[in-house]
Amino acid sequence: MWPKITKNYSPNFSLPKRAKKKIQFIIIHYTGMKKEISAIKKLCDHKSKVSAHYFIKKNGEIINLVPDLYEAWHAGKSNWKRYNSLNKNSIGIEIQNQGHQFRYEKFSLKQINSLIRLIKKLVKLYKINSNNILGHSDIAPERKKDPGEKFPWKYLGKNKLVKWHNLNDKSLKKLRLKKLTNLEEKQFLNNIYSIGYNRIKNLRLSQSNKILFQSFQRRFRQNLINGKSDKECLIISKNLVKY
């Protein structure tokens, strides 16, 4: 059953319409604002120059802000694999959450249930690959942390909606903080690149690596985000590259 969606259109989108086949990604965000009503107003204010296709309220209500076939302004400077500026190839979903700047909180069950139903609808309509359902921090790791380490990527992964590993958590934890050899560190970095992350330009390799490692951990090893490679991260990355 399709989720119930109300409309509250934003003026912040690009013309002309795009073809359905151009939509290949879903990008998930949190609002990072204290008040839900303020977030909606910002996304609908032409002066803000930001928008998203969908907004999910605390109570699970879904608002359509920009029609799917128009380009919303949610991703900004971004890249994933060979794609740059992902606005043109994606649908953006904003979920109300105060974010790291304020009191970062768990997403409500109603929000996640609504998100799952929305994702299923969009995947069916546009034939979006589960590997292409990403967080803002995946595509812009030097700028963004959302939707953050409290977002239930694992739960969505177990429901076959997003990319996730199939490894045992207890076994993985035994490998945590175990140092990598130089060769293993290089392999971990190459695995991250294979998954879709890109080296951050204009930064030293060590700085780029730390940011990418944090982004990877925020997505796939959420209870320890230290920006350092270890055996646990390497094994997770190997598993993800396989699938």
C-alpha atoms as a PDB file:
ATOM      1  CA  MET A   1       0.000   0.000   0.000  1.00  0.00           C
ATOM      2  CA  TRP A   2       1.357   3.413  -0.979  1.00  0.00           C
ATOM      3  CA  PRO A   3       2.003   5.840   1.886  1.00  0.00           C
ATOM      4  CA  LYS A   4      -0.340   8.792   2.332  1.00  0.00           C
ATOM      5  CA  ILE A   5       1.388  11.923   1.046  1.00  0.00           C
ATOM      6  CA  THR A   6       0.260  15.533   1.333  1.00  0.00           C
ATOM      7  CA  LYS A   7       1.518  18.308  -0.942  1.00  0.00           C
ATOM      8  CA  ASN A   8       3.116  21.604   0.048  1.00  0.00           C
ATOM      9  CA  TYR A   9       5.143  22.652  -2.952  1.00  0.00           C
ATOM     10  CA  SER A  10       8.400  24.575  -2.683  1.00  0.00           C
ATOM     11  CA  PRO A  11       9.507  27.068  -5.360  1.00  0.00           C
ATOM     12  CA  ASN A  12      13.064  25.775  -5.063  1.00  0.00           C
ATOM     13  CA  PHE A  13      13.597  23.438  -8.003  1.00  0.00           C
ATOM     14  CA  SER A  14      15.202  23.450 -11.432  1.00  0.00           C
ATOM     15  CA  LEU A  15      13.627  23.347 -14.862  1.00  0.00           C
ATOM     16  CA  PRO A  16      13.035  21.531 -17.145  1.00  0.00           C
ATOM     17  CA  LYS A  17      11.530  18.189 -16.150  1.00  0.00           C
ATOM     18  CA  ARG A  18      13.921  15.269 -16.170  1.00  0.00           C
ATOM     19  CA  ALA A  19      13.329  11.825 -17.615  1.00  0.00           C
ATOM     20  CA  LYS A  20      12.354   9.035 -15.193  1.00  0.00           C
ATOM     21  CA  LYS A  21      15.453   7.048 -16.142  1.00  0.00           C
ATOM     22  CA  LYS A  22      17.662   9.876 -14.887  1.00  0.00           C
ATOM     23  CA  ILE A  23      16.511   9.248 -11.298  1.00  0.00           C
ATOM     24  CA  GLN A  24      19.017   6.714  -9.978  1.00  0.00           C
ATOM     25  CA  PHE A  25      19.595   7.704  -6.347  1.00  0.00           C
ATOM     26  CA  ILE A  26      17.711   8.392  -3.139  1.00  0.00           C
ATOM     27  CA  ILE A  27      19.563  10.678  -0.725  1.00  0.00           C
ATOM     28  CA  ILE A  28      18.483  10.738   2.933  1.00  0.00           C
ATOM     29  CA  HIS A  29      18.987  13.831   5.109  1.00  0.00           C
ATOM     30  CA  TYR A  30      18.045  15.118   8.502  1.00  0.00           C
ATOM     31  CA  THR A  31      16.874  18.734   8.791  1.00  0.00           C
ATOM     32  CA  GLY A  32      19.332  19.771  11.507  1.00  0.00           C
ATOM     33  CA  MET A  33      16.814  22.285  12.823  1.00  0.00           C
ATOM     34  CA  LYS A  34      15.175  22.501  16.252  1.00  0.00           C
ATOM     35  CA  LYS A  35      11.625  23.114  15.086  1.00  0.00           C
ATOM     36  CA  GLU A  36       9.797  21.113  12.464  1.00  0.00           C
ATOM     37  CA  ILE A  37       7.734  24.052  11.252  1.00  0.00           C
ATOM     38  CA  SER A  38      10.901  26.129  10.805  1.00  0.00           C
ATOM     39  CA  ALA A  39      12.460  23.386   8.685  1.00  0.00           C
ATOM     40  CA  ILE A  40       9.414  23.202   6.414  1.00  0.00           C
ATOM     41  CA  LYS A  41       9.355  26.979   6.051  1.00  0.00           C
ATOM     42  CA  LYS A  42      13.033  27.048   5.107  1.00  0.00           C
ATOM     43  CA  LEU A  43      12.585  24.350   2.476  1.00  0.00           C
ATOM     44  CA  CYS A  44       9.710  26.346   0.984  1.00  0.00           C
ATOM     45  CA  ASP A  45      11.362  29.784   1.159  1.00  0.00           C
ATOM     46  CA  HIS A  46      12.734  30.922  -2.207  1.00  0.00           C
ATOM     47  CA  LYS A  47      15.442  32.907  -0.399  1.00  0.00           C
ATOM     48  CA  SER A  48      16.926  29.775   1.199  1.00  0.00           C
ATOM     49  CA  LYS A  49      17.804  28.134  -2.127  1.00  0.00           C
ATOM     50  CA  VAL A  50      17.320  24.685  -0.567  1.00  0.00           C
ATOM     51  CA  SER A  51      14.618  22.056  -0.919  1.00  0.00           C
ATOM     52  CA  ALA A  52      13.942  18.339  -1.044  1.00  0.00           C
ATOM     53  CA  HIS A  53      11.348  16.188  -2.726  1.00  0.00           C
ATOM     54  CA  TYR A  54       9.930  14.787   0.513  1.00  0.00           C
ATOM     55  CA  PHE A  55       9.762  15.774   4.168  1.00  0.00           C
ATOM     56  CA  ILE A  56       8.949  13.278   6.925  1.00  0.00           C
ATOM     57  CA  LYS A  57       7.516  14.795  10.101  1.00  0.00           C
ATOM     58  CA  LYS A  58       7.953  13.469  13.629  1.00  0.00           C
ATOM     59  CA  ASN A  59       4.514  11.869  13.496  1.00  0.00           C
ATOM     60  CA  GLY A  60       5.402  10.074  10.261  1.00  0.00           C
ATOM     61  CA  GLU A  61       3.411  12.333   7.962  1.00  0.00           C
ATOM     62  CA  ILE A  62       5.007  12.670   4.525  1.00  0.00           C
ATOM     63  CA  ILE A  63       4.936  15.970   2.658  1.00  0.00           C
ATOM     64  CA  ASN A  64       5.801  16.217  -1.032  1.00  0.00           C
ATOM     65  CA  LEU A  65       7.691  19.496  -1.521  1.00  0.00           C
ATOM     66  CA  VAL A  66       8.977  19.067  -5.082  1.00  0.00           C
ATOM     67  CA  PRO A  67       7.498  16.748  -7.748  1.00  0.00           C
ATOM     68  CA  ASP A  68       9.797  13.816  -8.470  1.00  0.00           C
ATOM     69  CA  LEU A  69      10.546  14.764 -12.070  1.00  0.00           C
ATOM     70  CA  TYR A  70      11.986  18.138 -11.112  1.00  0.00           C
ATOM     71  CA  GLU A  71      15.444  18.620  -9.620  1.00  0.00           C
ATOM     72  CA  ALA A  72      15.289  19.657  -5.945  1.00  0.00           C
ATOM     73  CA  TRP A  73      18.204  21.436  -4.274  1.00  0.00           C
ATOM     74  CA  HIS A  74      19.243  19.085  -1.487  1.00  0.00           C
ATOM     75  CA  ALA A  75      22.602  17.471  -2.283  1.00  0.00           C
ATOM     76  CA  GLY A  76      24.776  20.483  -3.094  1.00  0.00           C
ATOM     77  CA  LYS A  77      28.389  19.812  -3.969  1.00  0.00           C
ATOM     78  CA  SER A  78      28.485  16.030  -3.965  1.00  0.00           C
ATOM     79  CA  ASN A  79      29.868  12.948  -5.670  1.00  0.00           C
ATOM     80  CA  TRP A  80      29.515   9.183  -5.639  1.00  0.00           C
ATOM     81  CA  LYS A  81      31.398   6.843  -7.939  1.00  0.00           C
ATOM     82  CA  ARG A  82      31.455   8.624 -11.317  1.00  0.00           C
ATOM     83  CA  TYR A  83      28.518  10.904 -10.509  1.00  0.00           C
ATOM     84  CA  ASN A  84      28.940  14.541  -9.518  1.00  0.00           C
ATOM     85  CA  SER A  85      26.364  17.076  -8.286  1.00  0.00           C
ATOM     86  CA  LEU A  86      23.813  14.404  -7.449  1.00  0.00           C
ATOM     87  CA  ASN A  87      20.798  16.727  -7.429  1.00  0.00           C
ATOM     88  CA  LYS A  88      20.233  15.961 -11.086  1.00  0.00           C
ATOM     89  CA  ASN A  89      20.149  12.192 -10.538  1.00  0.00           C
ATOM     90  CA  SER A  90      18.437  11.861  -7.184  1.00  0.00           C
ATOM     91  CA  ILE A  91      15.380  12.217  -5.015  1.00  0.00           C
ATOM     92  CA  GLY A  92      16.017  13.907  -1.670  1.00  0.00           C
ATOM     93  CA  ILE A  93      14.216  12.962   1.537  1.00  0.00           C
ATOM     94  CA  GLU A  94      14.445  15.222   4.607  1.00  0.00           C
ATOM     95  CA  ILE A  95      13.591  13.711   7.995  1.00  0.00           C
ATOM     96  CA  GLN A  96      12.910  16.016  10.923  1.00  0.00           C
ATOM     97  CA  ASN A  97      15.722  15.679  13.459  1.00  0.00           C
ATOM     98  CA  GLN A  98      17.626  18.392  15.317  1.00  0.00           C
ATOM     99  CA  GLY A  99      20.930  16.861  14.288  1.00  0.00           C
ATOM    100  CA  HIS A 100      24.426  17.040  15.721  1.00  0.00           C
ATOM    101  CA  GLN A 101      24.436  20.806  16.168  1.00  0.00           C
ATOM    102  CA  PHE A 102      21.592  20.661  18.664  1.00  0.00           C
ATOM    103  CA  ARG A 103      20.196  17.594  20.475  1.00  0.00           C
ATOM    104  CA  TYR A 104      20.753  14.770  18.018  1.00  0.00           C
ATOM    105  CA  GLU A 105      18.005  12.260  18.709  1.00  0.00           C
ATOM    106  CA  LYS A 106      16.785   8.891  17.575  1.00  0.00           C
ATOM    107  CA  PHE A 107      14.430   8.887  14.635  1.00  0.00           C
ATOM    108  CA  SER A 108      10.881   7.984  15.630  1.00  0.00           C
ATOM    109  CA  LEU A 109       9.427   4.627  14.684  1.00  0.00           C
ATOM    110  CA  LYS A 110       6.668   6.429  12.788  1.00  0.00           C
ATOM    111  CA  GLN A 111       9.281   8.285  10.750  1.00  0.00           C
ATOM    112  CA  ILE A 112      11.155   5.113   9.858  1.00  0.00           C
ATOM    113  CA  ASN A 113       8.000   3.196   8.958  1.00  0.00           C
ATOM    114  CA  SER A 114       6.917   6.040   6.673  1.00  0.00           C
ATOM    115  CA  LEU A 115      10.400   6.227   5.160  1.00  0.00           C
ATOM    116  CA  ILE A 116      10.374   2.503   4.386  1.00  0.00           C
ATOM    117  CA  ARG A 117       7.039   2.761   2.620  1.00  0.00           C
ATOM    118  CA  LEU A 118       8.208   5.803   0.675  1.00  0.00           C
ATOM    119  CA  ILE A 119      11.456   4.124  -0.361  1.00  0.00           C
ATOM    120  CA  LYS A 120       9.591   1.047  -1.550  1.00  0.00           C
ATOM    121  CA  LYS A 121       7.334   3.233  -3.671  1.00  0.00           C
ATOM    122  CA  LEU A 122      10.225   5.183  -5.202  1.00  0.00           C
ATOM    123  CA  VAL A 123      12.266   2.046  -5.869  1.00  0.00           C
ATOM    124  CA  LYS A 124       9.333   0.500  -7.715  1.00  0.00           C
ATOM    125  CA  LEU A 125       8.574   3.643  -9.721  1.00  0.00           C
ATOM    126  CA  TYR A 126      12.146   4.421 -10.770  1.00  0.00           C
ATOM    127  CA  LYS A 127      13.894   1.040 -10.486  1.00  0.00           C
ATOM    128  CA  ILE A 128      16.464   2.399  -8.052  1.00  0.00           C
ATOM    129  CA  ASN A 129      19.215  -0.005  -6.991  1.00  0.00           C
ATOM    130  CA  SER A 130      19.500  -0.523  -3.228  1.00  0.00           C
ATOM    131  CA  ASN A 131      23.217   0.349  -3.501  1.00  0.00           C
ATOM    132  CA  ASN A 132      22.148   3.834  -4.590  1.00  0.00           C
ATOM    133  CA  ILE A 133      20.147   4.686  -1.477  1.00  0.00           C
ATOM    134  CA  LEU A 134      22.604   6.856   0.425  1.00  0.00           C
ATOM    135  CA  GLY A 135      23.032   9.392   3.184  1.00  0.00           C
ATOM    136  CA  HIS A 136      24.093  12.988   2.663  1.00  0.00           C
ATOM    137  CA  SER A 137      27.293  12.172   4.546  1.00  0.00           C
ATOM    138  CA  ASP A 138      28.121   9.487   1.960  1.00  0.00           C
ATOM    139  CA  ILE A 139      28.068  11.904  -0.962  1.00  0.00           C
ATOM    140  CA  ALA A 140      29.451  14.982   0.825  1.00  0.00           C
ATOM    141  CA  PRO A 141      31.560  13.601   3.709  1.00  0.00           C
ATOM    142  CA  GLU A 142      33.695  16.715   4.121  1.00  0.00           C
ATOM    143  CA  ARG A 143      30.586  18.845   4.741  1.00  0.00           C
ATOM    144  CA  LYS A 144      27.817  16.682   6.154  1.00  0.00           C
ATOM    145  CA  LYS A 145      27.100  14.166   8.932  1.00  0.00           C
ATOM    146  CA  ASP A 146      23.448  13.476   8.205  1.00  0.00           C
ATOM    147  CA  PRO A 147      21.435  11.414   8.627  1.00  0.00           C
ATOM    148  CA  GLY A 148      24.049  10.344  11.187  1.00  0.00           C
ATOM    149  CA  GLU A 149      24.979   7.380  13.322  1.00  0.00           C
ATOM    150  CA  LYS A 150      21.524   7.095  14.913  1.00  0.00           C
ATOM    151  CA  PHE A 151      19.896   6.483  11.565  1.00  0.00           C
ATOM    152  CA  PRO A 152      18.925   2.759  11.350  1.00  0.00           C
ATOM    153  CA  TRP A 153      20.889   1.739   8.255  1.00  0.00           C
ATOM    154  CA  LYS A 154      21.247  -1.794   9.620  1.00  0.00           C
ATOM    155  CA  TYR A 155      17.482  -2.177  10.019  1.00  0.00           C
ATOM    156  CA  LEU A 156      16.892  -0.972   6.463  1.00  0.00           C
ATOM    157  CA  GLY A 157      19.668  -3.257   5.271  1.00  0.00           C
ATOM    158  CA  LYS A 158      18.163  -6.305   6.932  1.00  0.00           C
ATOM    159  CA  ASN A 159      14.949  -5.458   5.092  1.00  0.00           C
ATOM    160  CA  LYS A 160      16.878  -5.461   1.779  1.00  0.00           C
ATOM    161  CA  LEU A 161      16.283  -1.746   1.193  1.00  0.00           C
ATOM    162  CA  VAL A 162      19.880  -0.484   1.380  1.00  0.00           C
ATOM    163  CA  LYS A 163      23.399  -1.831   1.148  1.00  0.00           C
ATOM    164  CA  TRP A 164      24.540  -3.618   4.316  1.00  0.00           C
ATOM    165  CA  HIS A 165      26.972  -6.367   5.255  1.00  0.00           C
ATOM    166  CA  ASN A 166      25.943  -9.878   6.319  1.00  0.00           C
ATOM    167  CA  LEU A 167      28.589 -10.342   9.037  1.00  0.00           C
ATOM    168  CA  ASN A 168      28.139 -11.317  12.687  1.00  0.00           C
ATOM    169  CA  ASP A 169      28.350  -8.298  15.003  1.00  0.00           C
ATOM    170  CA  LYS A 170      29.975 -10.194  17.886  1.00  0.00           C
ATOM    171  CA  SER A 171      32.684 -11.603  15.651  1.00  0.00           C
ATOM    172  CA  LEU A 172      33.302  -8.168  14.145  1.00  0.00           C
ATOM    173  CA  LYS A 173      33.685  -6.498  17.518  1.00  0.00           C
ATOM    174  CA  LYS A 174      36.624  -8.782  18.347  1.00  0.00           C
ATOM    175  CA  LEU A 175      38.492  -7.162  15.452  1.00  0.00           C
ATOM    176  CA  ARG A 176      37.831  -3.603  16.600  1.00  0.00           C
ATOM    177  CA  LEU A 177      40.880  -1.361  17.086  1.00  0.00           C
ATOM    178  CA  LYS A 178      43.242  -4.040  15.761  1.00  0.00           C
ATOM    179  CA  LYS A 179      45.742  -2.189  13.605  1.00  0.00           C
ATOM    180  CA  LEU A 180      46.166  -2.740   9.909  1.00  0.00           C
ATOM    181  CA  THR A 181      49.399  -3.245   8.032  1.00  0.00           C
ATOM    182  CA  ASN A 182      50.241  -0.667   5.374  1.00  0.00           C
ATOM    183  CA  LEU A 183      49.059  -3.099   2.713  1.00  0.00           C
ATOM    184  CA  GLU A 184      45.773  -3.711   4.538  1.00  0.00           C
ATOM    185  CA  GLU A 185      45.244   0.022   4.986  1.00  0.00           C
ATOM    186  CA  LYS A 186      45.664   0.490   1.241  1.00  0.00           C
ATOM    187  CA  GLN A 187      43.206  -2.342   0.607  1.00  0.00           C
ATOM    188  CA  PHE A 188      40.653  -0.762   2.959  1.00  0.00           C
ATOM    189  CA  LEU A 189      40.950   2.539   1.118  1.00  0.00           C
ATOM    190  CA  ASN A 190      40.558   0.828  -2.259  1.00  0.00           C
ATOM    191  CA  ASN A 191      37.472  -0.988  -0.950  1.00  0.00           C
ATOM    192  CA  ILE A 192      35.952   2.326   0.129  1.00  0.00           C
ATOM    193  CA  TYR A 193      36.577   3.735  -3.340  1.00  0.00           C
ATOM    194  CA  SER A 194      34.996   0.626  -4.885  1.00  0.00           C
ATOM    195  CA  ILE A 195      31.883   1.089  -2.731  1.00  0.00           C
ATOM    196  CA  GLY A 196      31.482   4.600  -4.115  1.00  0.00           C
ATOM    197  CA  TYR A 197      33.312   7.071  -1.867  1.00  0.00           C
ATOM    198  CA  ASN A 198      35.738   9.420  -3.609  1.00  0.00           C
ATOM    199  CA  ARG A 199      38.956  10.992  -2.454  1.00  0.00           C
ATOM    200  CA  ILE A 200      38.339  14.529  -1.238  1.00  0.00           C
ATOM    201  CA  LYS A 201      40.108  16.955  -3.519  1.00  0.00           C
ATOM    202  CA  ASN A 202      42.234  19.814  -2.162  1.00  0.00           C
ATOM    203  CA  LEU A 203      43.053  17.861   1.004  1.00  0.00           C
ATOM    204  CA  ARG A 204      46.144  15.881   1.895  1.00  0.00           C
ATOM    205  CA  LEU A 205      45.630  12.136   1.543  1.00  0.00           C
ATOM    206  CA  SER A 206      45.783  11.639   5.320  1.00  0.00           C
ATOM    207  CA  GLN A 207      43.072  14.276   5.879  1.00  0.00           C
ATOM    208  CA  SER A 208      40.900  12.862   3.107  1.00  0.00           C
ATOM    209  CA  ASN A 209      41.269   9.351   4.501  1.00  0.00           C
ATOM    210  CA  LYS A 210      40.237  10.377   8.022  1.00  0.00           C
ATOM    211  CA  ILE A 211      37.075  12.064   6.745  1.00  0.00           C
ATOM    212  CA  LEU A 212      36.205   9.133   4.469  1.00  0.00           C
ATOM    213  CA  PHE A 213      36.802   6.646   7.281  1.00  0.00           C
ATOM    214  CA  GLN A 214      34.464   8.637   9.546  1.00  0.00           C
ATOM    215  CA  SER A 215      31.804   8.689   6.847  1.00  0.00           C
ATOM    216  CA  PHE A 216      32.163   4.943   6.295  1.00  0.00           C
ATOM    217  CA  GLN A 217      31.909   4.320  10.045  1.00  0.00           C
ATOM    218  CA  ARG A 218      28.920   6.628  10.437  1.00  0.00           C
ATOM    219  CA  ARG A 219      27.174   4.403   7.920  1.00  0.00           C
ATOM    220  CA  PHE A 220      28.514   0.898   8.560  1.00  0.00           C
ATOM    221  CA  ARG A 221      30.126   0.917  12.070  1.00  0.00           C
ATOM    222  CA  GLN A 222      27.924   3.359  13.909  1.00  0.00           C
ATOM    223  CA  ASN A 223      28.915   2.793  17.529  1.00  0.00           C
ATOM    224  CA  LEU A 224      32.526   3.896  17.051  1.00  0.00           C
ATOM    225  CA  ILE A 225      33.349   6.768  14.714  1.00  0.00           C
ATOM    226  CA  ASN A 226      37.008   7.640  15.215  1.00  0.00           C
ATOM    227  CA  GLY A 227      38.225   8.142  11.649  1.00  0.00           C
ATOM    228  CA  LYS A 228      40.826   5.394  12.101  1.00  0.00           C
ATOM    229  CA  SER A 229      41.078   2.215  10.089  1.00  0.00           C
ATOM    230  CA  ASP A 230      41.129  -1.153  11.853  1.00  0.00           C
ATOM    231  CA  LYS A 231      40.490  -4.840  11.158  1.00  0.00           C
ATOM    232  CA  GLU A 232      36.764  -4.530  11.805  1.00  0.00           C
ATOM    233  CA  CYS A 233      36.379  -1.808   9.179  1.00  0.00           C
ATOM    234  CA  LEU A 234      38.516  -3.754   6.702  1.00  0.00           C
ATOM    235  CA  ILE A 235      36.426  -6.927   7.021  1.00  0.00           C
ATOM    236  CA  ILE A 236      33.173  -4.955   6.688  1.00  0.00           C
ATOM    237  CA  SER A 237      34.494  -3.223   3.567  1.00  0.00           C
ATOM    238  CA  LYS A 238      35.561  -6.541   2.025  1.00  0.00           C
ATOM    239  CA  ASN A 239      32.084  -7.943   2.578  1.00  0.00           C
ATOM    240  CA  LEU A 240      30.386  -4.877   1.104  1.00  0.00           C
ATOM    241  CA  VAL A 241      32.535  -4.985  -2.029  1.00  0.00           C
ATOM    242  CA  LYS A 242      31.337  -8.536  -2.700  1.00  0.00           C
ATOM    243  CA  TYR A 243      27.682  -7.562  -2.886  1.00  0.00           C
END
